Each structure stands twice: as C-alpha cells, then as structure tokens.
C-alpha atoms as a PDB file:
ATOM      1  CA  MET A   1     -24.246  75.793  48.163  1.00  0.00           C
ATOM      2  CA  PHE A   2     -24.803  75.549  44.701  1.00  0.00           C
ATOM      3  CA  HIS A   3     -23.877  73.601  41.630  1.00  0.00           C
ATOM      4  CA  ALA A   4     -23.124  74.855  38.181  1.00  0.00           C
ATOM      5  CA  ARG A   5     -23.229  72.475  34.925  1.00  0.00           C
ATOM      6  CA  THR A   6     -21.491  72.482  31.427  1.00  0.00           C
ATOM      7  CA  THR A   7     -18.244  73.830  30.690  1.00  0.00           C
ATOM      8  CA  SER A   8     -16.336  75.717  33.616  1.00  0.00           C
ATOM      9  CA  GLY A   9     -18.907  74.612  36.289  1.00  0.00           C
ATOM     10  CA  GLY A  10     -18.553  73.155  39.606  1.00  0.00           C
ATOM     11  CA  THR A  11     -19.715  73.297  43.455  1.00  0.00           C
ATOM     12  CA  ILE A  12     -19.344  76.809  44.680  1.00  0.00           C
ATOM     13  CA  ILE A  13     -19.944  77.447  48.368  1.00  0.00           C
ATOM     14  CA  ILE A  14     -20.852  80.738  49.796  1.00  0.00           C
ATOM     15  CA  LYS A  15     -19.518  81.851  53.284  1.00  0.00           C
ATOM     16  CA  ASN A  16     -19.646  85.124  54.601  1.00  0.00           C
ATOM     17  CA  ASN A  17     -20.596  86.414  50.963  1.00  0.00           C
ATOM     18  CA  GLN A  18     -17.184  84.836  49.759  1.00  0.00           C
ATOM     19  CA  PRO A  19     -17.739  82.849  46.852  1.00  0.00           C
ATOM     20  CA  VAL A  20     -15.295  79.664  47.068  1.00  0.00           C
ATOM     21  CA  LYS A  21     -15.063  76.849  44.174  1.00  0.00           C
ATOM     22  CA  VAL A  22     -14.944  73.649  45.428  1.00  0.00           C
ATOM     23  CA  GLN A  23     -12.717  71.200  42.998  1.00  0.00           C
ATOM     24  CA  LEU A  24     -14.085  67.684  44.524  1.00  0.00           C
ATOM     25  CA  SER A  25     -12.694  65.839  41.730  1.00  0.00           C
ATOM     26  CA  GLN A  26      -9.122  66.843  42.655  1.00  0.00           C
ATOM     27  CA  LEU A  27      -9.815  65.920  46.621  1.00  0.00           C
ATOM     28  CA  GLY A  28      -9.839  62.181  46.428  1.00  0.00           C
ATOM     29  CA  SER A  29     -12.970  61.376  44.448  1.00  0.00           C
ATOM     30  CA  SER A  30     -11.739  61.577  40.806  1.00  0.00           C
ATOM     31  CA  LYS A  31     -15.698  63.075  40.047  1.00  0.00           C
ATOM     32  CA  GLU A  32     -17.425  66.226  40.527  1.00  0.00           C
ATOM     33  CA  GLY A  33     -20.852  66.358  42.615  1.00  0.00           C
ATOM     34  CA  THR A  34     -24.239  66.871  40.808  1.00  0.00           C
ATOM     35  CA  TYR A  35     -27.414  66.349  42.935  1.00  0.00           C
ATOM     36  CA  PRO A  36     -26.583  67.498  46.485  1.00  0.00           C
ATOM     37  CA  HIS A  37     -28.140  67.234  50.141  1.00  0.00           C
ATOM     38  CA  TRP A  38     -26.597  69.121  53.290  1.00  0.00           C
ATOM     39  CA  HIS A  39     -26.513  67.102  56.361  1.00  0.00           C
ATOM     40  CA  PRO A  40     -28.518  68.348  59.182  1.00  0.00           C
ATOM     41  CA  SER A  41     -25.592  69.211  61.285  1.00  0.00           C
ATOM     42  CA  GLY A  42     -24.474  71.333  58.424  1.00  0.00           C
ATOM     43  CA  LYS A  43     -20.949  69.444  58.557  1.00  0.00           C
ATOM     44  CA  TYR A  44     -21.239  67.277  55.730  1.00  0.00           C
ATOM     45  CA  ILE A  45     -22.778  67.661  51.923  1.00  0.00           C
ATOM     46  CA  ILE A  46     -23.412  64.188  50.183  1.00  0.00           C
ATOM     47  CA  PHE A  47     -23.576  64.096  46.425  1.00  0.00           C
ATOM     48  CA  SER A  48     -24.450  62.249  43.859  1.00  0.00           C
ATOM     49  CA  THR A  49     -21.705  62.202  40.872  1.00  0.00           C
ATOM     50  CA  ASN A  50     -23.725  61.988  37.641  1.00  0.00           C
ATOM     51  CA  ALA A  51     -23.068  61.785  33.996  1.00  0.00           C
ATOM     52  CA  THR A  52     -26.164  62.801  32.816  1.00  0.00           C
ATOM     53  CA  ARG A  53     -27.455  62.273  29.066  1.00  0.00           C
ATOM     54  CA  GLN A  54     -30.635  63.616  27.041  1.00  0.00           C
ATOM     55  CA  SER A  55     -32.422  62.098  24.322  1.00  0.00           C
ATOM     56  CA  PHE A  56     -34.949  63.884  22.515  1.00  0.00           C
ATOM     57  CA  TYR A  57     -38.117  62.222  21.074  1.00  0.00           C
ATOM     58  CA  SER A  58     -40.259  62.899  18.077  1.00  0.00           C
ATOM     59  CA  ARG A  59     -42.997  60.584  18.362  1.00  0.00           C
ATOM     60  CA  ASN A  60     -43.487  59.897  22.169  1.00  0.00           C
ATOM     61  CA  PRO A  61     -45.702  61.706  25.284  1.00  0.00           C
ATOM     62  CA  ASN A  62     -42.746  61.972  27.079  1.00  0.00           C
ATOM     63  CA  LEU A  63     -40.981  64.694  25.048  1.00  0.00           C
ATOM     64  CA  ILE A  64     -37.639  64.456  27.021  1.00  0.00           C
ATOM     65  CA  GLU A  65     -35.552  61.314  28.639  1.00  0.00           C
ATOM     66  CA  VAL A  66     -32.789  62.044  30.797  1.00  0.00           C
ATOM     67  CA  TYR A  67     -30.616  59.447  32.074  1.00  0.00           C
ATOM     68  CA  ASP A  68     -27.195  58.953  33.845  1.00  0.00           C
ATOM     69  CA  LEU A  69     -24.242  56.661  32.070  1.00  0.00           C
ATOM     70  CA  GLU A  70     -22.844  56.745  35.561  1.00  0.00           C
ATOM     71  CA  SER A  71     -23.632  57.747  38.984  1.00  0.00           C
ATOM     72  CA  ASP A  72     -21.911  57.339  42.572  1.00  0.00           C
ATOM     73  CA  LEU A  73     -21.938  58.924  46.161  1.00  0.00           C
ATOM     74  CA  ILE A  74     -19.543  60.975  47.367  1.00  0.00           C
ATOM     75  CA  LEU A  75     -19.318  62.702  50.766  1.00  0.00           C
ATOM     76  CA  TYR A  76     -17.803  66.173  51.104  1.00  0.00           C
ATOM     77  CA  ASP A  77     -16.663  67.653  54.240  1.00  0.00           C
ATOM     78  CA  PRO A  78     -16.332  71.546  54.017  1.00  0.00           C
ATOM     79  CA  VAL A  79     -14.801  72.028  57.331  1.00  0.00           C
ATOM     80  CA  ARG A  80     -11.925  69.819  56.592  1.00  0.00           C
ATOM     81  CA  ASN A  81     -12.178  70.334  52.629  1.00  0.00           C
ATOM     82  CA  THR A  82     -11.850  66.442  52.108  1.00  0.00           C
ATOM     83  CA  VAL A  83     -13.832  64.096  50.499  1.00  0.00           C
ATOM     84  CA  ILE A  84     -15.062  60.844  51.823  1.00  0.00           C
ATOM     85  CA  THR A  85     -15.756  57.866  49.846  1.00  0.00           C
ATOM     86  CA  ASP A  86     -17.311  54.450  50.001  1.00  0.00           C
ATOM     87  CA  PRO A  87     -16.418  51.381  47.633  1.00  0.00           C
ATOM     88  CA  ARG A  88     -19.953  50.570  47.977  1.00  0.00           C
ATOM     89  CA  PHE A  89     -21.576  53.857  46.518  1.00  0.00           C
ATOM     90  CA  ASN A  90     -18.873  53.857  43.866  1.00  0.00           C
ATOM     91  CA  SER A  91     -19.030  50.674  41.863  1.00  0.00           C
ATOM     92  CA  PRO A  92     -19.447  50.491  38.044  1.00  0.00           C
ATOM     93  CA  GLU A  93     -21.723  47.492  38.956  1.00  0.00           C
ATOM     94  CA  SER A  94     -24.436  49.883  39.825  1.00  0.00           C
ATOM     95  CA  PHE A  95     -26.072  53.429  39.942  1.00  0.00           C
ATOM     96  CA  GLU A  96     -26.791  55.497  42.941  1.00  0.00           C
ATOM     97  CA  THR A  97     -28.495  59.069  42.920  1.00  0.00           C
ATOM     98  CA  PHE A  98     -30.991  60.960  44.773  1.00  0.00           C
ATOM     99  CA  PRO A  99     -28.999  61.174  48.508  1.00  0.00           C
ATOM    100  CA  ALA A 100     -31.197  62.234  51.007  1.00  0.00           C
ATOM    101  CA  TRP A 101     -30.727  62.323  54.783  1.00  0.00           C
ATOM    102  CA  ALA A 102     -33.262  61.439  57.315  1.00  0.00           C
ATOM    103  CA  PRO A 103     -33.952  64.637  59.722  1.00  0.00           C
ATOM    104  CA  ASP A 104     -31.804  63.284  62.493  1.00  0.00           C
ATOM    105  CA  GLY A 105     -28.978  62.700  60.341  1.00  0.00           C
ATOM    106  CA  LYS A 106     -28.444  59.102  61.305  1.00  0.00           C
ATOM    107  CA  ARG A 107     -29.270  57.559  57.883  1.00  0.00           C
ATOM    108  CA  LEU A 108     -28.945  58.441  54.269  1.00  0.00           C
ATOM    109  CA  TYR A 109     -31.761  57.232  52.165  1.00  0.00           C
ATOM    110  CA  TYR A 110     -30.684  56.864  48.090  1.00  0.00           C
ATOM    111  CA  CYS A 111     -31.866  55.368  45.084  1.00  0.00           C
ATOM    112  CA  THR A 112     -29.840  52.760  42.868  1.00  0.00           C
ATOM    113  CA  ALA A 113     -30.088  50.735  40.192  1.00  0.00           C
ATOM    114  CA  PRO A 114     -28.184  47.594  38.617  1.00  0.00           C
ATOM    115  CA  ALA A 115     -26.191  49.281  35.910  1.00  0.00           C
ATOM    116  CA  LYS A 116     -27.477  48.805  32.542  1.00  0.00           C
ATOM    117  CA  GLN A 117     -26.102  49.583  28.859  1.00  0.00           C
ATOM    118  CA  LEU A 118     -27.771  52.916  28.094  1.00  0.00           C
ATOM    119  CA  PRO A 119     -29.641  54.390  26.464  1.00  0.00           C
ATOM    120  CA  LYS A 120     -30.069  50.688  24.753  1.00  0.00           C
ATOM    121  CA  ARG A 121     -31.671  49.178  27.657  1.00  0.00           C
ATOM    122  CA  LEU A 122     -32.613  52.485  29.287  1.00  0.00           C
ATOM    123  CA  ARG A 123     -36.564  51.027  29.967  1.00  0.00           C
ATOM    124  CA  GLU A 124     -35.038  48.152  31.636  1.00  0.00           C
ATOM    125  CA  VAL A 125     -33.487  50.537  34.379  1.00  0.00           C
ATOM    126  CA  LYS A 126     -35.735  50.460  37.580  1.00  0.00           C
ATOM    127  CA  TYR A 127     -34.363  52.317  40.786  1.00  0.00           C
ATOM    128  CA  SER A 128     -35.309  51.183  44.347  1.00  0.00           C
ATOM    129  CA  ILE A 129     -34.754  53.182  47.614  1.00  0.00           C
ATOM    130  CA  CYS A 130     -32.410  52.445  50.006  1.00  0.00           C
ATOM    131  CA  SER A 131     -30.822  53.394  53.299  1.00  0.00           C
ATOM    132  CA  VAL A 132     -27.886  53.140  55.371  1.00  0.00           C
ATOM    133  CA  SER A 133     -26.793  54.334  58.914  1.00  0.00           C
ATOM    134  CA  PHE A 134     -24.307  57.293  59.144  1.00  0.00           C
ATOM    135  CA  ASP A 135     -22.344  58.275  62.219  1.00  0.00           C
ATOM    136  CA  PRO A 136     -21.857  62.182  62.183  1.00  0.00           C
ATOM    137  CA  ASP A 137     -18.740  61.939  64.347  1.00  0.00           C
ATOM    138  CA  SER A 138     -16.369  59.939  62.359  1.00  0.00           C
ATOM    139  CA  GLY A 139     -18.145  60.541  59.067  1.00  0.00           C
ATOM    140  CA  SER A 140     -18.897  56.678  58.242  1.00  0.00           C
ATOM    141  CA  PHE A 141     -21.580  54.606  57.286  1.00  0.00           C
ATOM    142  CA  GLY A 142     -22.668  51.556  58.645  1.00  0.00           C
ATOM    143  CA  GLU A 143     -22.345  48.047  57.479  1.00  0.00           C
ATOM    144  CA  THR A 144     -25.923  46.914  56.631  1.00  0.00           C
ATOM    145  CA  ILE A 145     -27.805  48.704  53.673  1.00  0.00           C
ATOM    146  CA  ASP A 146     -31.360  48.462  54.142  1.00  0.00           C
ATOM    147  CA  THR A 147     -33.768  48.197  50.761  1.00  0.00           C
ATOM    148  CA  ILE A 148     -37.004  50.288  51.751  1.00  0.00           C
ATOM    149  CA  TYR A 149     -38.576  50.339  48.373  1.00  0.00           C
ATOM    150  CA  THR A 150     -37.992  47.716  45.943  1.00  0.00           C
ATOM    151  CA  ALA A 151     -37.932  48.113  42.161  1.00  0.00           C
ATOM    152  CA  HIS A 152     -40.026  45.691  40.202  1.00  0.00           C
ATOM    153  CA  ASN A 153     -42.370  46.992  37.643  1.00  0.00           C
ATOM    154  CA  LYS A 154     -41.642  50.429  38.715  1.00  0.00           C
ATOM    155  CA  SER A 155     -38.774  53.122  39.239  1.00  0.00           C
ATOM    156  CA  ALA A 156     -38.514  55.280  42.331  1.00  0.00           C
ATOM    157  CA  SER A 157     -36.703  58.778  42.627  1.00  0.00           C
ATOM    158  CA  PHE A 158     -36.530  61.783  44.911  1.00  0.00           C
ATOM    159  CA  PRO A 159     -36.799  60.445  48.334  1.00  0.00           C
ATOM    160  CA  ARG A 160     -37.920  62.646  51.123  1.00  0.00           C
ATOM    161  CA  ILE A 161     -38.077  61.689  54.607  1.00  0.00           C
ATOM    162  CA  SER A 162     -40.851  63.771  56.740  1.00  0.00           C
ATOM    163  CA  PRO A 163     -39.470  66.025  59.562  1.00  0.00           C
ATOM    164  CA  ASP A 164     -40.810  63.544  62.441  1.00  0.00           C
ATOM    165  CA  ASN A 165     -39.372  60.526  60.547  1.00  0.00           C
ATOM    166  CA  GLN A 166     -42.642  58.875  60.214  1.00  0.00           C
ATOM    167  CA  TYR A 167     -42.789  58.777  56.143  1.00  0.00           C
ATOM    168  CA  LEU A 168     -40.692  58.468  53.186  1.00  0.00           C
ATOM    169  CA  LEU A 169     -41.862  60.212  50.412  1.00  0.00           C
ATOM    170  CA  PHE A 170     -40.847  59.730  46.595  1.00  0.00           C
ATOM    171  CA  THR A 171     -41.787  59.844  42.922  1.00  0.00           C
ATOM    172  CA  GLU A 172     -42.609  56.351  41.121  1.00  0.00           C
ATOM    173  CA  SER A 173     -42.477  56.328  37.268  1.00  0.00           C
ATOM    174  CA  ASP A 174     -42.026  53.136  34.725  1.00  0.00           C
ATOM    175  CA  TYR A 175     -38.495  53.247  34.580  1.00  0.00           C
ATOM    176  CA  ALA A 176     -35.226  55.453  34.767  1.00  0.00           C
ATOM    177  CA  THR A 177     -34.449  58.333  37.369  1.00  0.00           C
ATOM    178  CA  PHE A 178     -35.912  61.508  35.709  1.00  0.00           C
ATOM    179  CA  PRO A 179     -39.689  61.373  36.103  1.00  0.00           C
ATOM    180  CA  ILE A 180     -40.501  65.299  35.652  1.00  0.00           C
ATOM    181  CA  TRP A 181     -41.036  64.214  31.701  1.00  0.00           C
ATOM    182  CA  HIS A 182     -42.708  60.855  32.391  1.00  0.00           C
ATOM    183  CA  LYS A 183     -46.549  61.748  32.283  1.00  0.00           C
ATOM    184  CA  GLU A 184     -47.262  58.418  34.315  1.00  0.00           C
ATOM    185  CA  ALA A 185     -45.257  59.804  37.436  1.00  0.00           C
ATOM    186  CA  ASP A 186     -46.597  59.801  40.374  1.00  0.00           C
ATOM    187  CA  LEU A 187     -45.783  60.867  44.323  1.00  0.00           C
ATOM    188  CA  LYS A 188     -45.908  57.481  46.348  1.00  0.00           C
ATOM    189  CA  MET A 189     -45.349  57.461  50.194  1.00  0.00           C
ATOM    190  CA  ILE A 190     -44.223  54.647  52.592  1.00  0.00           C
ATOM    191  CA  SER A 191     -44.566  54.462  56.630  1.00  0.00           C
ATOM    192  CA  LEU A 192     -41.438  54.039  58.058  1.00  0.00           C
ATOM    193  CA  GLN A 193     -42.874  52.291  61.162  1.00  0.00           C
ATOM    194  CA  ASP A 194     -44.231  49.556  59.515  1.00  0.00           C
ATOM    195  CA  SER A 195     -43.167  49.451  55.700  1.00  0.00           C
ATOM    196  CA  ALA A 196     -46.725  49.912  54.550  1.00  0.00           C
ATOM    197  CA  SER A 197     -47.875  51.648  51.429  1.00  0.00           C
ATOM    198  CA  VAL A 198     -49.611  55.443  52.653  1.00  0.00           C
ATOM    199  CA  ASN A 199     -52.609  56.135  49.907  1.00  0.00           C
ATOM    200  CA  THR A 200     -51.406  59.146  47.842  1.00  0.00           C
ATOM    201  CA  ASP A 201     -54.066  58.873  44.967  1.00  0.00           C
ATOM    202  CA  ILE A 202     -55.637  62.358  46.036  1.00  0.00           C
ATOM    203  CA  LEU A 203     -52.367  64.007  45.347  1.00  0.00           C
ATOM    204  CA  ASN A 204     -51.936  62.469  41.691  1.00  0.00           C
ATOM    205  CA  SER A 205     -53.180  63.327  38.382  1.00  0.00           C
ATOM    206  CA  PRO A 206     -53.130  61.901  34.615  1.00  0.00           C
ATOM    207  CA  ASP A 207     -50.025  63.688  34.063  1.00  0.00           C
ATOM    208  CA  VAL A 208     -46.942  64.561  35.679  1.00  0.00           C
ATOM    209  CA  GLU A 209     -46.320  64.651  39.463  1.00  0.00           C
ATOM    210  CA  SER A 210     -42.432  65.226  40.627  1.00  0.00           C
ATOM    211  CA  TYR A 211     -40.350  67.218  42.467  1.00  0.00           C
ATOM    212  CA  HIS A 212     -41.616  67.785  46.238  1.00  0.00           C
ATOM    213  CA  SER A 213     -40.658  68.420  49.663  1.00  0.00           C
ATOM    214  CA  TRP A 214     -41.723  68.738  53.343  1.00  0.00           C
ATOM    215  CA  SER A 215     -42.943  71.684  55.849  1.00  0.00           C
ATOM    216  CA  SER A 216     -40.934  71.796  58.663  1.00  0.00           C
ATOM    217  CA  ASN A 217     -43.751  70.494  60.766  1.00  0.00           C
ATOM    218  CA  GLY A 218     -43.938  67.939  58.405  1.00  0.00           C
ATOM    219  CA  LYS A 219     -47.866  68.514  57.997  1.00  0.00           C
ATOM    220  CA  TRP A 220     -47.666  69.978  54.235  1.00  0.00           C
ATOM    221  CA  ILE A 221     -46.314  68.701  50.924  1.00  0.00           C
ATOM    222  CA  ILE A 222     -45.248  71.316  47.747  1.00  0.00           C
ATOM    223  CA  PHE A 223     -44.614  69.523  44.617  1.00  0.00           C
ATOM    224  CA  SER A 224     -44.663  70.022  40.933  1.00  0.00           C
ATOM    225  CA  SER A 225     -47.069  68.964  38.248  1.00  0.00           C
ATOM    226  CA  ARG A 226     -47.986  69.220  34.669  1.00  0.00           C
ATOM    227  CA  ARG A 227     -51.742  68.490  35.233  1.00  0.00           C
ATOM    228  CA  LEU A 228     -52.990  72.056  33.939  1.00  0.00           C
ATOM    229  CA  ASP A 229     -52.006  71.648  30.622  1.00  0.00           C
ATOM    230  CA  GLY A 230     -49.377  69.031  30.182  1.00  0.00           C
ATOM    231  CA  LEU A 231     -46.311  71.547  29.126  1.00  0.00           C
ATOM    232  CA  TYR A 232     -45.545  73.365  32.495  1.00  0.00           C
ATOM    233  CA  THR A 233     -45.031  72.718  35.898  1.00  0.00           C
ATOM    234  CA  ARG A 234     -46.616  74.322  38.603  1.00  0.00           C
ATOM    235  CA  PHE A 235     -46.558  73.912  42.268  1.00  0.00           C
ATOM    236  CA  PHE A 236     -49.191  72.470  44.141  1.00  0.00           C
ATOM    237  CA  ILE A 237     -49.702  72.299  48.018  1.00  0.00           C
ATOM    238  CA  ALA A 238     -51.670  69.253  50.076  1.00  0.00           C
ATOM    239  CA  HIS A 239     -51.797  68.962  53.831  1.00  0.00           C
ATOM    240  CA  LEU A 240     -51.205  65.968  55.809  1.00  0.00           C
ATOM    241  CA  ASN A 241     -53.216  65.276  58.813  1.00  0.00           C
ATOM    242  CA  LYS A 242     -52.677  63.445  62.249  1.00  0.00           C
ATOM    243  CA  ASN A 243     -54.100  60.306  60.313  1.00  0.00           C
ATOM    244  CA  GLY A 244     -51.747  59.921  57.544  1.00  0.00           C
ATOM    245  CA  LYS A 245     -54.449  61.345  54.838  1.00  0.00           C
ATOM    246  CA  PHE A 246     -53.340  63.703  52.505  1.00  0.00           C
ATOM    247  CA  SER A 247     -56.278  66.502  51.635  1.00  0.00           C
ATOM    248  CA  LYS A 248     -57.107  67.716  47.848  1.00  0.00           C
ATOM    249  CA  PRO A 249     -53.946  69.771  46.688  1.00  0.00           C
ATOM    250  CA  PHE A 250     -54.587  73.228  45.758  1.00  0.00           C
ATOM    251  CA  LEU A 251     -52.516  75.202  43.193  1.00  0.00           C
ATOM    252  CA  LEU A 252     -49.592  78.241  44.789  1.00  0.00           C
ATOM    253  CA  PRO A 253     -51.553  81.328  45.006  1.00  0.00           C
ATOM    254  CA  GLN A 254     -50.320  84.315  43.186  1.00  0.00           C
ATOM    255  CA  LYS A 255     -50.679  87.774  43.743  1.00  0.00           C
ATOM    256  CA  ASP A 256     -52.431  87.431  39.974  1.00  0.00           C
ATOM    257  CA  PRO A 257     -54.439  84.558  39.998  1.00  0.00           C
ATOM    258  CA  ASP A 258     -54.058  84.797  35.864  1.00  0.00           C
ATOM    259  CA  GLU A 259     -50.223  84.174  36.863  1.00  0.00           C
ATOM    260  CA  ASN A 260     -50.739  80.737  37.073  1.00  0.00           C
ATOM    261  CA  ASN A 261     -52.633  80.224  33.742  1.00  0.00           C
ATOM    262  CA  LEU A 262     -50.722  82.738  31.691  1.00  0.00           C
ATOM    263  CA  ARG A 263     -47.231  82.256  32.891  1.00  0.00           C
ATOM    264  CA  MET A 264     -45.209  80.367  29.763  1.00  0.00           C
ATOM    265  CA  LYS A 265     -41.954  78.690  32.391  1.00  0.00           C
ATOM    266  CA  SER A 266     -41.837  75.994  34.622  1.00  0.00           C
ATOM    267  CA  PHE A 267     -41.651  75.885  38.550  1.00  0.00           C
ATOM    268  CA  ASN A 268     -38.912  73.695  39.489  1.00  0.00           C
ATOM    269  CA  ILE A 269     -37.671  71.939  42.967  1.00  0.00           C
ATOM    270  CA  PRO A 270     -39.520  73.680  45.693  1.00  0.00           C
ATOM    271  CA  GLU A 271     -38.295  73.895  49.251  1.00  0.00           C
ATOM    272  CA  PHE A 272     -40.184  75.760  52.311  1.00  0.00           C
ATOM    273  CA  ILE A 273     -38.298  78.295  54.191  1.00  0.00           C
ATOM    274  CA  LYS A 274     -39.467  79.738  57.626  1.00  0.00           C
ATOM    275  CA  ASP A 275     -37.731  83.421  57.241  1.00  0.00           C
ATOM    276  CA  LYS A 276     -37.847  86.043  53.990  1.00  0.00           C
ATOM    277  CA  ILE A 277     -34.939  86.254  51.574  1.00  0.00           C
ATOM    278  CA  THR A 278     -33.598  89.562  50.927  1.00  0.00           C
ATOM    279  CA  ILE A 279     -32.791  89.604  46.871  1.00  0.00           C
ATOM    280  CA  THR A 280     -32.182  92.138  44.340  1.00  0.00           C
ATOM    281  CA  ARG A 281     -35.116  92.123  41.577  1.00  0.00           C
ATOM    282  CA  SER A 282     -32.901  90.539  38.856  1.00  0.00           C
ATOM    283  CA  GLN A 283     -32.206  87.532  41.334  1.00  0.00           C
ATOM    284  CA  LEU A 284     -35.917  87.175  41.844  1.00  0.00           C
ATOM    285  CA  ASP A 285     -36.892  83.427  42.147  1.00  0.00           C
ATOM    286  CA  HIS A 286     -40.276  81.569  43.379  1.00  0.00           C
ATOM    287  CA  THR A 287     -40.150  80.955  47.435  1.00  0.00           C
ATOM    288  CA  VAL A 288     -42.446  79.769  49.661  1.00  0.00           C
ATOM    289  CA  THR A 289     -43.172  80.545  53.124  1.00  0.00           C
ATOM    290  CA  ASP A 290     -43.186  77.585  55.640  1.00  0.00           C
END
C-alpha cells in the first residue's frame, strides 16, 4: 500500500500485482488517508487524515514549517472495503495524527493535541501520545484512553513501539507535528512497564533527529538526522542492550564511503526489512537489511 498526495492522488493497494485505488472518502469517512500503519494481522490499516499546509521562513533557523489545519483517525478494512470511524478520533476540537499499532495489535498509539487557530497559534500546539485498546475480531476500540506522554513544554511525534512491547520511542520537539525541520528535535523513549523515561542523550545532536524505526528483534533502531551539515537527513543506526542502554549511533554504511558526504539528497522514513527486494534500477530506493 502507498499513498500519493496532491491532485489525482489517493490510496493505492497492490494485491497479486494488481493496483487498486481506494476512495476512502466515499466509504463513509468523507476524508482520504494520509499517514498509514498496517495492523500486525494485515486485516486493517489505520490512517490519519491530514489537511497539511506549509510555511517557508526567510529569517528562522527552521527553514520550513509543516502543520495540519485538521487531522483525524480512520480505520480501513481492506477485505470488506469498509471504513470504520470513532467519534472520539474525529472531533474538530482536537488533532489526531501519526497512528501506530502495538506489536501484538491489541493497542493503538497516536499523537493528539487540542485544536488551535493555525498558523496564527502554531507555537501553542503541543502533541501528547495516547493509547487505546483494540479488538481485532470486531474492529472496535476500547472505552478507556490512556495518556502515555503528556505535552507540557514539548510536543511528540512518530510513536513507535519496540517489538517486545517494552519501549515507546518517539521524536520530541518544541511544538507542532513535523519535527524533521526543527533543529531542537530529539529522540526520546519511555518504558511502557513503569512509564519511566529512558536516557537517549547518546542518540541526539544539536541538529535534527527524527524519523525512526525498530529492527524485528528490538535490538537496533535506525533514524534520520541532519547532524552532519544541517541540511540533509542521513541515516544513523544504534544498538539497544538488554539493560535498555543505547550505544553511540553510527552512520549507515555505504559501498562508497564518500556517498554519505557528497550525496545532495535526503534520506527519509527508514524501515528495516528481513528479505531482499527485487526492483528495477529506475525504481531503486534505499532499504536496510534487518
């Protein structure tokens, strides 16, 4: 599955090499999906629906600002081709975004913030991380919503749960929901066993740390950072030991070491995979073997 934005965009699902465009807005949601996350069972895709806008600064260390005028959560069942909505996650009084499933598929994590007038009050928008139980058999969410990270002076994005369900890794920035252009953005982690913060200082730098994902065994993370030159995001890998301590991150190895220094393009949204993929040279993209 992939999602294409702009005019004539939409959600495309490819099954048995046959692409199908899914019109989520016509299936009861009245909105299209943006940020997706597959349920571990493969039975559902949770989407946030985002009305995204950009601002460009002329005198600001953060060159670009991205924000959502509105955002909600919808659940898509690709087998029945139906959209399931919950009024708690579709209220104009709050923004919900960046949904992510727990590894066992029994909880959903997402970011949420009280709605503000944007872009006028953008710096007041601070996202918390919440979670709610989920029943895969009925496709329904539980009654109780738990707050895992409370936004006070900071804002959270991109929650990702470790495969052993021990840790919640996320990006923390001063405000808003698009930290990849926020120089103060850092990776943070919370223990889901006792809600304690885990020291992640070794992962961070004076520049941006952002998109991140876990290896399947939960011993490694990969994330993007602008620490080398402040302009381009590159991938860094770090090990997590059994005591919950990270090692010093190292730059993603390249066949030609100069590639990381001379390449004038950014890496984005890394994901570990277990198997090799076969694609044509024109489709070649960057993947990391798990």
